[in-house]
C-alpha atoms as a PDB file:
ATOM      1  CA  MET A   1      85.183 158.722 227.527  1.00  0.00           C
ATOM      2  CA  ASN A   2      87.693 156.827 229.510  1.00  0.00           C
ATOM      3  CA  VAL A   3      89.870 153.913 228.241  1.00  0.00           C
ATOM      4  CA  LEU A   4      90.801 150.812 230.153  1.00  0.00           C
ATOM      5  CA  LEU A   5      93.952 149.025 229.286  1.00  0.00           C
ATOM      6  CA  THR A   6      94.308 145.645 231.099  1.00  0.00           C
ATOM      7  CA  SER A   7      97.458 143.675 231.901  1.00  0.00           C
ATOM      8  CA  VAL A   8      99.320 147.047 231.104  1.00  0.00           C
ATOM      9  CA  GLY A   9     102.565 145.882 232.554  1.00  0.00           C
ATOM     10  CA  GLN A  10     105.424 147.641 231.342  1.00  0.00           C
ATOM     11  CA  ARG A  11     103.452 149.296 228.355  1.00  0.00           C
ATOM     12  CA  SER A  12     103.606 152.874 229.565  1.00  0.00           C
ATOM     13  CA  TYR A  13     103.979 154.036 226.031  1.00  0.00           C
ATOM     14  CA  LEU A  14     100.549 152.938 225.273  1.00  0.00           C
ATOM     15  CA  VAL A  15      99.124 154.859 228.113  1.00  0.00           C
ATOM     16  CA  ASP A  16     100.801 157.873 226.656  1.00  0.00           C
ATOM     17  CA  TYR A  17      99.613 157.213 223.450  1.00  0.00           C
ATOM     18  CA  PHE A  18      96.050 156.604 224.409  1.00  0.00           C
ATOM     19  CA  ARG A  19      96.328 159.889 226.855  1.00  0.00           C
ATOM     20  CA  ALA A  20      97.435 161.724 223.664  1.00  0.00           C
ATOM     21  CA  ALA A  21      94.490 160.230 221.615  1.00  0.00           C
ATOM     22  CA  LEU A  22      91.836 161.315 224.045  1.00  0.00           C
ATOM     23  CA  LYS A  23      93.037 164.895 224.188  1.00  0.00           C
ATOM     24  CA  GLY A  24      91.898 165.709 227.679  1.00  0.00           C
ATOM     25  CA  SER A  25      88.554 164.314 227.004  1.00  0.00           C
ATOM     26  CA  GLY A  26      89.165 161.330 229.136  1.00  0.00           C
ATOM     27  CA  ARG A  27      91.325 159.289 231.241  1.00  0.00           C
ATOM     28  CA  VAL A  28      93.512 156.217 230.884  1.00  0.00           C
ATOM     29  CA  VAL A  29      92.566 153.427 233.256  1.00  0.00           C
ATOM     30  CA  VAL A  30      94.686 150.445 233.906  1.00  0.00           C
ATOM     31  CA  VAL A  31      94.961 147.240 235.755  1.00  0.00           C
ATOM     32  CA  ASN A  32      97.625 144.610 236.455  1.00  0.00           C
ATOM     33  CA  THR A  33      98.180 141.788 238.850  1.00  0.00           C
ATOM     34  CA  SER A  34     101.486 143.456 239.934  1.00  0.00           C
ATOM     35  CA  PRO A  35     101.115 146.873 241.292  1.00  0.00           C
ATOM     36  CA  ASP A  36     104.723 148.238 240.565  1.00  0.00           C
ATOM     37  CA  THR A  37     105.151 148.370 236.886  1.00  0.00           C
ATOM     38  CA  PRO A  38     105.611 151.351 234.706  1.00  0.00           C
ATOM     39  CA  GLY A  39     102.365 151.187 233.086  1.00  0.00           C
ATOM     40  CA  MET A  40     100.496 151.353 236.518  1.00  0.00           C
ATOM     41  CA  TYR A  41     102.199 154.439 237.460  1.00  0.00           C
ATOM     42  CA  ALA A  42     101.807 156.087 233.922  1.00  0.00           C
ATOM     43  CA  ALA A  43      98.152 155.902 234.222  1.00  0.00           C
ATOM     44  CA  ASP A  44      95.383 158.156 235.569  1.00  0.00           C
ATOM     45  CA  ILE A  45      93.821 155.617 237.425  1.00  0.00           C
ATOM     46  CA  ALA A  46      95.296 152.198 238.388  1.00  0.00           C
ATOM     47  CA  LEU A  47      94.055 148.996 239.960  1.00  0.00           C
ATOM     48  CA  VAL A  48      95.357 145.757 241.063  1.00  0.00           C
ATOM     49  CA  SER A  49      93.244 142.985 239.433  1.00  0.00           C
ATOM     50  CA  PRO A  50      92.643 139.373 240.212  1.00  0.00           C
ATOM     51  CA  PRO A  51      94.345 137.220 237.909  1.00  0.00           C
ATOM     52  CA  ALA A  52      92.535 136.895 234.361  1.00  0.00           C
ATOM     53  CA  SER A  53      91.983 132.807 235.012  1.00  0.00           C
ATOM     54  CA  SER A  54      89.995 133.934 238.287  1.00  0.00           C
ATOM     55  CA  ASP A  55      86.205 133.504 238.760  1.00  0.00           C
ATOM     56  CA  GLU A  56      86.411 136.981 240.195  1.00  0.00           C
ATOM     57  CA  TYR A  57      88.133 138.671 237.082  1.00  0.00           C
ATOM     58  CA  ILE A  58      84.989 139.315 234.816  1.00  0.00           C
ATOM     59  CA  PRO A  59      82.953 140.797 237.447  1.00  0.00           C
ATOM     60  CA  PHE A  60      85.870 142.906 238.394  1.00  0.00           C
ATOM     61  CA  ILE A  61      86.317 144.319 235.036  1.00  0.00           C
ATOM     62  CA  LEU A  62      82.571 144.977 234.605  1.00  0.00           C
ATOM     63  CA  GLU A  63      82.299 146.872 237.741  1.00  0.00           C
ATOM     64  CA  LEU A  64      85.457 148.708 236.875  1.00  0.00           C
ATOM     65  CA  CYS A  65      84.168 149.711 233.604  1.00  0.00           C
ATOM     66  CA  ARG A  66      80.527 150.522 235.257  1.00  0.00           C
ATOM     67  CA  ARG A  67      82.160 152.781 238.048  1.00  0.00           C
ATOM     68  CA  ASN A  68      84.896 154.540 235.806  1.00  0.00           C
ATOM     69  CA  HIS A  69      82.662 155.131 232.751  1.00  0.00           C
ATOM     70  CA  VAL A  70      84.895 152.975 230.528  1.00  0.00           C
ATOM     71  CA  GLY A  71      84.082 153.507 226.980  1.00  0.00           C
ATOM     72  CA  LEU A  72      86.809 151.244 225.258  1.00  0.00           C
ATOM     73  CA  LEU A  73      88.686 148.273 226.745  1.00  0.00           C
ATOM     74  CA  CYS A  74      92.002 146.970 225.094  1.00  0.00           C
ATOM     75  CA  ALA A  75      93.690 143.976 226.744  1.00  0.00           C
ATOM     76  CA  LEU A  76      97.288 143.646 226.385  1.00  0.00           C
ATOM     77  CA  HIS A  77      98.540 140.165 227.344  1.00  0.00           C
ATOM     78  CA  ASP A  78      97.768 136.937 225.229  1.00  0.00           C
ATOM     79  CA  LEU A  79      96.215 134.967 228.426  1.00  0.00           C
ATOM     80  CA  ASP A  80      94.191 138.258 229.443  1.00  0.00           C
ATOM     81  CA  VAL A  81      92.946 138.472 225.819  1.00  0.00           C
ATOM     82  CA  PHE A  82      91.881 134.623 225.878  1.00  0.00           C
ATOM     83  CA  HIS A  83      90.062 134.766 229.171  1.00  0.00           C
ATOM     84  CA  LEU A  84      88.281 137.917 228.319  1.00  0.00           C
ATOM     85  CA  SER A  85      87.372 136.774 224.678  1.00  0.00           C
ATOM     86  CA  GLN A  86      85.635 133.924 226.323  1.00  0.00           C
ATOM     87  CA  GLN A  87      83.164 136.281 227.888  1.00  0.00           C
ATOM     88  CA  ARG A  88      83.158 139.009 225.129  1.00  0.00           C
ATOM     89  CA  GLU A  89      79.405 138.974 224.941  1.00  0.00           C
ATOM     90  CA  LEU A  90      79.209 140.121 228.535  1.00  0.00           C
ATOM     91  CA  LEU A  91      81.327 143.191 227.786  1.00  0.00           C
ATOM     92  CA  ASP A  92      79.273 143.748 224.584  1.00  0.00           C
ATOM     93  CA  GLY A  93      76.038 143.237 226.271  1.00  0.00           C
ATOM     94  CA  ALA A  94      77.163 146.072 228.857  1.00  0.00           C
ATOM     95  CA  GLY A  95      77.867 148.407 226.045  1.00  0.00           C
ATOM     96  CA  ILE A  96      81.702 148.472 226.471  1.00  0.00           C
ATOM     97  CA  ALA A  97      83.369 148.707 223.224  1.00  0.00           C
ATOM     98  CA  ASN A  98      86.417 146.498 223.103  1.00  0.00           C
ATOM     99  CA  THR A  99      89.209 144.953 220.987  1.00  0.00           C
ATOM    100  CA  LEU A 100      88.884 141.609 221.996  1.00  0.00           C
ATOM    101  CA  PRO A 101      88.415 138.555 219.607  1.00  0.00           C
ATOM    102  CA  ASP A 102      85.501 136.341 219.733  1.00  0.00           C
ATOM    103  CA  ALA A 103      85.810 133.092 221.905  1.00  0.00           C
ATOM    104  CA  TYR A 104      86.953 131.011 218.675  1.00  0.00           C
ATOM    105  CA  TRP A 105      89.820 133.150 217.711  1.00  0.00           C
ATOM    106  CA  GLY A 106      90.762 133.891 221.375  1.00  0.00           C
ATOM    107  CA  ARG A 107      91.613 130.295 221.517  1.00  0.00           C
ATOM    108  CA  LEU A 108      92.824 129.916 217.909  1.00  0.00           C
ATOM    109  CA  CYS A 109      95.652 132.464 218.480  1.00  0.00           C
ATOM    110  CA  LEU A 110      97.112 130.663 221.264  1.00  0.00           C
ATOM    111  CA  ASP A 111      97.195 127.562 219.306  1.00  0.00           C
ATOM    112  CA  LYS A 112     100.146 127.727 216.827  1.00  0.00           C
ATOM    113  CA  TYR A 113      99.261 124.473 215.340  1.00  0.00           C
ATOM    114  CA  ALA A 114      95.581 125.147 214.680  1.00  0.00           C
ATOM    115  CA  SER A 115      96.240 128.512 213.581  1.00  0.00           C
ATOM    116  CA  SER A 116      98.557 127.550 211.078  1.00  0.00           C
ATOM    117  CA  GLN A 117      96.271 125.363 209.651  1.00  0.00           C
ATOM    118  CA  VAL A 118      93.216 128.001 209.448  1.00  0.00           C
ATOM    119  CA  LEU A 119      95.718 130.449 207.825  1.00  0.00           C
ATOM    120  CA  SER A 120      96.968 128.103 205.368  1.00  0.00           C
ATOM    121  CA  ALA A 121      93.525 127.218 204.332  1.00  0.00           C
ATOM    122  CA  ALA A 122      92.543 130.617 203.802  1.00  0.00           C
ATOM    123  CA  GLY A 123      95.546 131.283 201.452  1.00  0.00           C
ATOM    124  CA  ILE A 124      98.037 132.716 203.933  1.00  0.00           C
ATOM    125  CA  ALA A 125     101.491 130.952 203.692  1.00  0.00           C
ATOM    126  CA  THR A 126     102.699 129.059 206.734  1.00  0.00           C
ATOM    127  CA  PRO A 127     105.796 127.001 207.327  1.00  0.00           C
ATOM    128  CA  TRP A 128     105.076 123.125 207.673  1.00  0.00           C
ATOM    129  CA  THR A 129     104.132 122.728 211.275  1.00  0.00           C
ATOM    130  CA  GLY A 130     103.709 119.379 213.099  1.00  0.00           C
ATOM    131  CA  CYS A 131     102.776 118.822 216.604  1.00  0.00           C
ATOM    132  CA  SER A 132     104.762 115.535 217.530  1.00  0.00           C
ATOM    133  CA  LEU A 133     108.279 114.146 217.307  1.00  0.00           C
ATOM    134  CA  ALA A 134     107.094 111.131 215.218  1.00  0.00           C
ATOM    135  CA  GLU A 135     105.269 113.581 212.565  1.00  0.00           C
ATOM    136  CA  ALA A 136     108.541 115.547 212.374  1.00  0.00           C
ATOM    137  CA  LEU A 137     110.675 112.471 211.745  1.00  0.00           C
ATOM    138  CA  ASP A 138     108.467 111.125 209.014  1.00  0.00           C
ATOM    139  CA  ALA A 139     108.294 114.399 207.396  1.00  0.00           C
ATOM    140  CA  LEU A 140     112.436 114.413 207.292  1.00  0.00           C
ATOM    141  CA  SER A 141     112.584 111.024 206.023  1.00  0.00           C
ATOM    142  CA  ASN A 142     110.268 111.953 203.084  1.00  0.00           C
ATOM    143  CA  ASN A 143     112.307 115.382 202.485  1.00  0.00           C
ATOM    144  CA  LEU A 144     109.256 117.491 203.621  1.00  0.00           C
ATOM    145  CA  ILE A 145     111.378 119.394 205.887  1.00  0.00           C
ATOM    146  CA  ARG A 146     115.121 119.607 206.640  1.00  0.00           C
ATOM    147  CA  PHE A 147     117.266 120.960 209.533  1.00  0.00           C
ATOM    148  CA  PRO A 148     117.581 123.410 211.068  1.00  0.00           C
ATOM    149  CA  LEU A 149     114.219 122.838 212.895  1.00  0.00           C
ATOM    150  CA  ILE A 150     112.451 124.947 215.719  1.00  0.00           C
ATOM    151  CA  VAL A 151     110.751 123.354 218.698  1.00  0.00           C
ATOM    152  CA  LYS A 152     108.363 125.409 220.776  1.00  0.00           C
ATOM    153  CA  ALA A 153     105.128 125.672 222.849  1.00  0.00           C
ATOM    154  CA  ARG A 154     102.082 124.615 220.842  1.00  0.00           C
ATOM    155  CA  PHE A 155     100.038 127.009 223.187  1.00  0.00           C
ATOM    156  CA  GLY A 156     102.145 129.871 224.437  1.00  0.00           C
ATOM    157  CA  PHE A 157     103.718 133.274 223.989  1.00  0.00           C
ATOM    158  CA  GLY A 158     107.031 135.066 224.297  1.00  0.00           C
ATOM    159  CA  SER A 159     108.906 132.512 222.384  1.00  0.00           C
ATOM    160  CA  LEU A 160     107.986 130.045 225.127  1.00  0.00           C
ATOM    161  CA  GLY A 161     110.204 126.983 225.036  1.00  0.00           C
ATOM    162  CA  LEU A 162     112.055 127.953 221.905  1.00  0.00           C
ATOM    163  CA  ARG A 163     114.881 125.795 220.819  1.00  0.00           C
ATOM    164  CA  LEU A 164     116.842 125.544 217.500  1.00  0.00           C
ATOM    165  CA  CYS A 165     117.814 122.101 216.406  1.00  0.00           C
ATOM    166  CA  HIS A 166     120.470 120.914 213.776  1.00  0.00           C
ATOM    167  CA  SER A 167     120.330 117.105 214.062  1.00  0.00           C
ATOM    168  CA  ARG A 168     117.821 114.366 214.999  1.00  0.00           C
ATOM    169  CA  GLU A 169     119.483 113.855 218.250  1.00  0.00           C
ATOM    170  CA  GLN A 170     119.014 117.519 219.103  1.00  0.00           C
ATOM    171  CA  LEU A 171     115.396 117.406 218.095  1.00  0.00           C
ATOM    172  CA  MET A 172     114.539 114.262 220.126  1.00  0.00           C
ATOM    173  CA  GLN A 173     116.126 115.922 223.190  1.00  0.00           C
ATOM    174  CA  ALA A 174     114.600 119.328 222.408  1.00  0.00           C
ATOM    175  CA  CYS A 175     111.098 117.860 222.233  1.00  0.00           C
ATOM    176  CA  ARG A 176     111.385 116.187 225.806  1.00  0.00           C
ATOM    177  CA  ASP A 177     112.826 119.452 227.475  1.00  0.00           C
ATOM    178  CA  VAL A 178     110.453 121.749 225.908  1.00  0.00           C
ATOM    179  CA  SER A 179     107.360 119.549 226.737  1.00  0.00           C
ATOM    180  CA  HIS A 180     108.402 119.519 230.479  1.00  0.00           C
ATOM    181  CA  GLN A 181     109.295 123.473 230.387  1.00  0.00           C
ATOM    182  CA  VAL A 182     105.811 124.272 228.914  1.00  0.00           C
ATOM    183  CA  SER A 183     104.064 122.175 231.456  1.00  0.00           C
ATOM    184  CA  ALA A 184     105.657 123.889 234.117  1.00  0.00           C
ATOM    185  CA  ALA A 185     104.797 127.281 232.703  1.00  0.00           C
ATOM    186  CA  LEU A 186     101.260 126.618 232.035  1.00  0.00           C
ATOM    187  CA  GLY A 187     100.767 124.985 235.267  1.00  0.00           C
ATOM    188  CA  ASN A 188     101.329 128.700 236.654  1.00  0.00           C
ATOM    189  CA  TRP A 189      98.929 130.330 234.405  1.00  0.00           C
ATOM    190  CA  GLY A 190      95.484 129.058 235.640  1.00  0.00           C
ATOM    191  CA  PRO A 191      93.036 126.700 233.763  1.00  0.00           C
ATOM    192  CA  LEU A 192      92.999 127.005 230.136  1.00  0.00           C
ATOM    193  CA  PRO A 193      90.133 124.725 229.027  1.00  0.00           C
ATOM    194  CA  GLY A 194      91.005 122.396 226.146  1.00  0.00           C
ATOM    195  CA  ILE A 195      94.487 123.268 226.270  1.00  0.00           C
ATOM    196  CA  GLU A 196      97.119 120.442 226.861  1.00  0.00           C
ATOM    197  CA  ALA A 197     100.154 121.939 228.947  1.00  0.00           C
ATOM    198  CA  GLY A 198     102.817 119.682 227.271  1.00  0.00           C
ATOM    199  CA  ASP A 199     101.925 120.268 223.666  1.00  0.00           C
ATOM    200  CA  ILE A 200     104.642 121.073 221.181  1.00  0.00           C
ATOM    201  CA  VAL A 201     105.236 122.244 217.531  1.00  0.00           C
ATOM    202  CA  ILE A 202     107.811 121.721 215.106  1.00  0.00           C
ATOM    203  CA  GLN A 203     108.743 124.033 212.325  1.00  0.00           C
ATOM    204  CA  PRO A 204     111.534 124.358 209.757  1.00  0.00           C
ATOM    205  CA  ALA A 205     113.733 127.488 210.761  1.00  0.00           C
ATOM    206  CA  LEU A 206     113.041 129.768 207.656  1.00  0.00           C
ATOM    207  CA  GLU A 207     115.599 132.064 206.499  1.00  0.00           C
ATOM    208  CA  GLY A 208     114.667 135.573 205.345  1.00  0.00           C
ATOM    209  CA  ARG A 209     113.580 138.892 206.537  1.00  0.00           C
ATOM    210  CA  GLU A 210     111.561 139.144 209.754  1.00  0.00           C
ATOM    211  CA  ILE A 211     108.374 141.330 208.842  1.00  0.00           C
ATOM    212  CA  CYS A 212     105.732 142.438 211.442  1.00  0.00           C
ATOM    213  CA  THR A 213     102.603 143.758 210.337  1.00  0.00           C
ATOM    214  CA  GLY A 214      99.689 145.531 212.127  1.00  0.00           C
ATOM    215  CA  VAL A 215      96.315 144.790 210.694  1.00  0.00           C
ATOM    216  CA  ILE A 216      93.782 147.454 211.608  1.00  0.00           C
ATOM    217  CA  ASN A 217      90.109 146.591 211.422  1.00  0.00           C
ATOM    218  CA  ASP A 218      87.446 149.128 212.850  1.00  0.00           C
ATOM    219  CA  LEU A 219      85.318 148.100 215.922  1.00  0.00           C
ATOM    220  CA  ARG A 220      82.784 146.283 213.469  1.00  0.00           C
ATOM    221  CA  GLY A 221      85.452 143.999 212.060  1.00  0.00           C
ATOM    222  CA  HIS A 222      85.959 145.855 208.688  1.00  0.00           C
ATOM    223  CA  TYR A 223      89.455 146.405 207.275  1.00  0.00           C
ATOM    224  CA  GLN A 224      90.978 149.867 207.585  1.00  0.00           C
ATOM    225  CA  GLY A 225      94.865 149.935 206.996  1.00  0.00           C
ATOM    226  CA  HIS A 226      97.901 148.182 208.000  1.00  0.00           C
ATOM    227  CA  ALA A 227     101.348 149.295 208.935  1.00  0.00           C
ATOM    228  CA  SER A 228     104.392 147.022 208.369  1.00  0.00           C
ATOM    229  CA  CYS A 229     108.080 147.093 209.370  1.00  0.00           C
ATOM    230  CA  HIS A 230     111.148 144.923 208.999  1.00  0.00           C
ATOM    231  CA  ILE A 231     112.657 143.880 212.297  1.00  0.00           C
ATOM    232  CA  ARG A 232     116.586 144.699 212.262  1.00  0.00           C
ATOM    233  CA  SER A 233     117.598 143.396 215.544  1.00  0.00           C
ATOM    234  CA  MET A 234     116.172 141.586 218.444  1.00  0.00           C
ATOM    235  CA  ARG A 235     117.353 141.575 222.290  1.00  0.00           C
ATOM    236  CA  HIS A 236     116.290 138.715 224.624  1.00  0.00           C
ATOM    237  CA  GLY A 237     113.449 137.904 222.442  1.00  0.00           C
ATOM    238  CA  GLU A 238     111.993 141.512 222.020  1.00  0.00           C
ATOM    239  CA  SER A 239     112.229 143.518 218.849  1.00  0.00           C
ATOM    240  CA  GLN A 240     114.567 146.393 219.391  1.00  0.00           C
ATOM    241  CA  GLN A 241     115.272 148.129 215.859  1.00  0.00           C
ATOM    242  CA  ALA A 242     113.243 148.225 212.742  1.00  0.00           C
ATOM    243  CA  VAL A 243     112.663 150.058 209.499  1.00  0.00           C
ATOM    244  CA  SER A 244     109.074 150.738 208.200  1.00  0.00           C
ATOM    245  CA  LEU A 245     108.034 149.277 204.881  1.00  0.00           C
ATOM    246  CA  PRO A 246     105.781 150.380 202.226  1.00  0.00           C
ATOM    247  CA  ALA A 247     102.177 149.220 202.451  1.00  0.00           C
ATOM    248  CA  ALA A 248     102.217 147.093 199.267  1.00  0.00           C
ATOM    249  CA  VAL A 249     104.795 144.599 200.861  1.00  0.00           C
ATOM    250  CA  THR A 250     101.996 143.255 203.052  1.00  0.00           C
ATOM    251  CA  GLU A 251      98.836 144.215 201.673  1.00  0.00           C
ATOM    252  CA  THR A 252      97.677 140.939 200.501  1.00  0.00           C
ATOM    253  CA  LEU A 253      98.529 139.197 203.709  1.00  0.00           C
ATOM    254  CA  ALA A 254      96.644 142.017 205.815  1.00  0.00           C
ATOM    255  CA  ARG A 255      93.330 142.112 203.607  1.00  0.00           C
ATOM    256  CA  ARG A 256      93.277 138.059 203.826  1.00  0.00           C
ATOM    257  CA  LEU A 257      93.663 138.148 207.660  1.00  0.00           C
ATOM    258  CA  SER A 258      91.132 141.002 207.967  1.00  0.00           C
ATOM    259  CA  THR A 259      88.453 139.256 206.110  1.00  0.00           C
ATOM    260  CA  LEU A 260      89.084 135.851 207.756  1.00  0.00           C
ATOM    261  CA  SER A 261      89.014 136.886 211.269  1.00  0.00           C
ATOM    262  CA  GLN A 262      86.972 139.835 211.117  1.00  0.00           C
ATOM    263  CA  HIS A 263      88.704 141.252 214.196  1.00  0.00           C
ATOM    264  CA  ARG A 264      88.350 144.556 216.145  1.00  0.00           C
ATOM    265  CA  GLY A 265      91.278 146.949 216.270  1.00  0.00           C
ATOM    266  CA  ILE A 266      95.045 145.794 215.775  1.00  0.00           C
ATOM    267  CA  TRP A 267      96.421 142.391 215.312  1.00  0.00           C
ATOM    268  CA  GLY A 268     100.196 142.133 214.887  1.00  0.00           C
ATOM    269  CA  VAL A 269     101.293 139.245 212.686  1.00  0.00           C
ATOM    270  CA  ASP A 270     104.802 138.223 212.694  1.00  0.00           C
ATOM    271  CA  CYS A 271     106.208 136.815 209.276  1.00  0.00           C
ATOM    272  CA  ILE A 272     109.306 135.479 207.520  1.00  0.00           C
ATOM    273  CA  GLU A 273     109.870 136.417 203.962  1.00  0.00           C
ATOM    274  CA  HIS A 274     111.280 133.231 202.587  1.00  0.00           C
ATOM    275  CA  ALA A 275     111.729 132.240 198.991  1.00  0.00           C
ATOM    276  CA  GLY A 276     109.782 135.443 197.823  1.00  0.00           C
ATOM    277  CA  LYS A 277     106.868 134.860 200.140  1.00  0.00           C
ATOM    278  CA  LEU A 278     105.678 135.936 203.388  1.00  0.00           C
ATOM    279  CA  HIS A 279     104.934 133.102 205.837  1.00  0.00           C
ATOM    280  CA  ALA A 280     102.633 133.804 209.060  1.00  0.00           C
ATOM    281  CA  ILE A 281     104.580 132.444 211.992  1.00  0.00           C
ATOM    282  CA  ASP A 282     102.614 133.992 214.649  1.00  0.00           C
ATOM    283  CA  ILE A 283      99.415 136.036 215.332  1.00  0.00           C
ATOM    284  CA  ASN A 284      99.010 138.626 218.419  1.00  0.00           C
ATOM    285  CA  PRO A 285      95.539 139.744 218.883  1.00  0.00           C
ATOM    286  CA  ARG A 286      96.274 142.674 220.519  1.00  0.00           C
ATOM    287  CA  PHE A 287      98.851 145.630 220.314  1.00  0.00           C
ATOM    288  CA  SER A 288     101.955 143.721 219.934  1.00  0.00           C
ATOM    289  CA  GLY A 289     105.434 144.737 220.946  1.00  0.00           C
ATOM    290  CA  ASP A 290     106.135 145.862 217.509  1.00  0.00           C
ATOM    291  CA  TYR A 291     103.331 148.529 217.621  1.00  0.00           C
ATOM    292  CA  PRO A 292     105.608 151.463 218.702  1.00  0.00           C
ATOM    293  CA  PHE A 293     107.655 151.095 215.084  1.00  0.00           C
ATOM    294  CA  HIS A 294     104.364 151.581 213.602  1.00  0.00           C
ATOM    295  CA  HIS A 295     103.230 154.463 215.766  1.00  0.00           C
ATOM    296  CA  LEU A 296     106.499 156.443 215.370  1.00  0.00           C
ATOM    297  CA  SER A 297     106.648 156.045 211.705  1.00  0.00           C
ATOM    298  CA  GLY A 298     103.192 157.477 211.229  1.00  0.00           C
ATOM    299  CA  ALA A 299     100.337 155.036 212.390  1.00  0.00           C
ATOM    300  CA  ASP A 300      97.871 156.307 215.278  1.00  0.00           C
ATOM    301  CA  VAL A 301      95.896 153.278 216.184  1.00  0.00           C
ATOM    302  CA  PRO A 302      94.763 154.715 219.677  1.00  0.00           C
ATOM    303  CA  ALA A 303      93.490 157.687 218.125  1.00  0.00           C
ATOM    304  CA  ALA A 304      91.516 155.659 215.595  1.00  0.00           C
ATOM    305  CA  LEU A 305      90.131 153.242 218.241  1.00  0.00           C
ATOM    306  CA  VAL A 306      89.111 156.277 220.330  1.00  0.00           C
ATOM    307  CA  ALA A 307      87.174 157.992 217.536  1.00  0.00           C
ATOM    308  CA  TRP A 308      85.427 154.797 216.620  1.00  0.00           C
ATOM    309  CA  ALA A 309      84.301 154.227 220.156  1.00  0.00           C
ATOM    310  CA  SER A 310      82.931 157.706 219.952  1.00  0.00           C
ATOM    311  CA  GLY A 311      81.085 157.063 216.875  1.00  0.00           C
ATOM    312  CA  GLN A 312      83.341 159.256 214.844  1.00  0.00           C
ATOM    313  CA  GLN A 313      85.605 158.696 211.656  1.00  0.00           C
ATOM    314  CA  ALA A 314      89.123 157.816 212.423  1.00  0.00           C
ATOM    315  CA  PRO A 315      91.829 160.602 211.598  1.00  0.00           C
ATOM    316  CA  PRO A 316      92.645 159.846 207.941  1.00  0.00           C
ATOM    317  CA  ASP A 317      96.603 159.668 208.636  1.00  0.00           C
ATOM    318  CA  SER A 318      96.016 157.203 211.627  1.00  0.00           C
ATOM    319  CA  LEU A 319      95.743 153.976 209.696  1.00  0.00           C
ATOM    320  CA  THR A 320      99.199 153.612 208.032  1.00  0.00           C
ATOM    321  CA  ASN A 321     102.659 154.411 208.359  1.00  0.00           C
ATOM    322  CA  ALA A 322     105.247 156.203 206.236  1.00  0.00           C
ATOM    323  CA  PRO A 323     107.919 153.821 204.673  1.00  0.00           C
ATOM    324  CA  ASP A 324     111.695 153.910 205.136  1.00  0.00           C
ATOM    325  CA  VAL A 325     111.441 155.314 208.897  1.00  0.00           C
ATOM    326  CA  HIS A 326     114.193 153.921 210.991  1.00  0.00           C
ATOM    327  CA  VAL A 327     112.938 153.453 214.620  1.00  0.00           C
ATOM    328  CA  PHE A 328     114.794 151.806 217.778  1.00  0.00           C
ATOM    329  CA  LYS A 329     113.532 151.275 221.136  1.00  0.00           C
ATOM    330  CA  ASP A 330     115.402 153.146 224.015  1.00  0.00           C
ATOM    331  CA  LEU A 331     115.456 152.923 227.924  1.00  0.00           C
ATOM    332  CA  ALA A 332     113.330 155.852 229.003  1.00  0.00           C
ATOM    333  CA  PRO A 333     113.589 156.162 232.951  1.00  0.00           C
ATOM    334  CA  ARG A 334     110.149 157.478 234.219  1.00  0.00           C
ATOM    335  CA  LEU A 335     109.691 159.869 237.220  1.00  0.00           C
ATOM    336  CA  VAL A 336     106.964 158.523 239.776  1.00  0.00           C
ATOM    337  CA  ALA A 337     105.974 161.850 240.758  1.00  0.00           C
ATOM    338  CA  GLY A 338     104.435 161.706 244.358  1.00  0.00           C
ATOM    339  CA  ARG A 339     103.607 157.922 244.182  1.00  0.00           C
ATOM    340  CA  ASN A 340     105.957 155.830 246.592  1.00  0.00           C
ATOM    341  CA  SER A 341     103.569 153.079 247.613  1.00  0.00           C
ATOM    342  CA  VAL A 342     100.666 151.025 245.986  1.00  0.00           C
ATOM    343  CA  ALA A 343      98.503 152.710 248.462  1.00  0.00           C
ATOM    344  CA  GLN A 344      98.793 155.726 246.668  1.00  0.00           C
ATOM    345  CA  LEU A 345      97.692 154.577 243.446  1.00  0.00           C
ATOM    346  CA  PRO A 346      94.222 156.027 242.373  1.00  0.00           C
ATOM    347  CA  ASP A 347      91.299 153.803 243.053  1.00  0.00           C
ATOM    348  CA  SER A 348      88.233 152.903 241.064  1.00  0.00           C
ATOM    349  CA  LYS A 349      86.054 155.198 243.463  1.00  0.00           C
ATOM    350  CA  GLN A 350      87.598 158.223 241.798  1.00  0.00           C
ATOM    351  CA  GLU A 351      85.208 159.640 239.280  1.00  0.00           C
END
């Protein structure tokens, strides 16, 4: 069985994790719109793909899977997840096991306002969330929220447009600036049906530990485990250092999300532990940037996914991590052995 990782980008570590999980019984196939990324050079088979928003993308993925005997597909970028999720039934119908959400959750996870409402209704705490300046000013006047406040994109990822505000003047300016910034960014991403480019959300800047949890379901959407860590430091919006946590810290949240979403594979949930309660800030319906912390502290979700896609049981020690393991991300240069140009990357004709 071969595994396909779409939008692989710089995630060469996931290529390595899946190669180890396959144990020589299959190859790691990757695609990316840009050819010169670490993940492309780390893979066994690498192809430049059309943009996920392109009408050519789904036929390209289906043909690639057919020609390369792909038994498991994992999308690694939010926009890729969104577009593929809208066509998940085609992949299911072709017999390709995958970790994509359904169309509803594929859109919901991009929408920070709607997702906060859905989570809150399911008993998962979220910060107060408004989607207009007028709504936030009214909440301030009624003491429902207080400064500092955060303004960011309603639809987006990677902390798009994130601004911290300590006054009404800063809030009003941030709402204008972020709306323009988000519109410009989304304009480069292709059509996103039902998504308004300039939309923003406003939330209180909660104080507390930042905790990231990977909620693991099998490929039928049933809860199997979770792994959590406390993010100790960040750099340029990316987690850099973490310490793993006991499972009990996030078990209630993990099980509630699993039951609510019935998702496949691993979803990353970013939380703030504020006033003795976990508040969900963001949902990543894919392997998130925090997964290496879980993996290096004992979890092995690639091994579990490969086993499930092969009709087997997941290794018993692959679905959780050990507590109090300190992990940091390091720069690890990779030698591009014998590959000096895009033309030398393997193509889909190789069987």
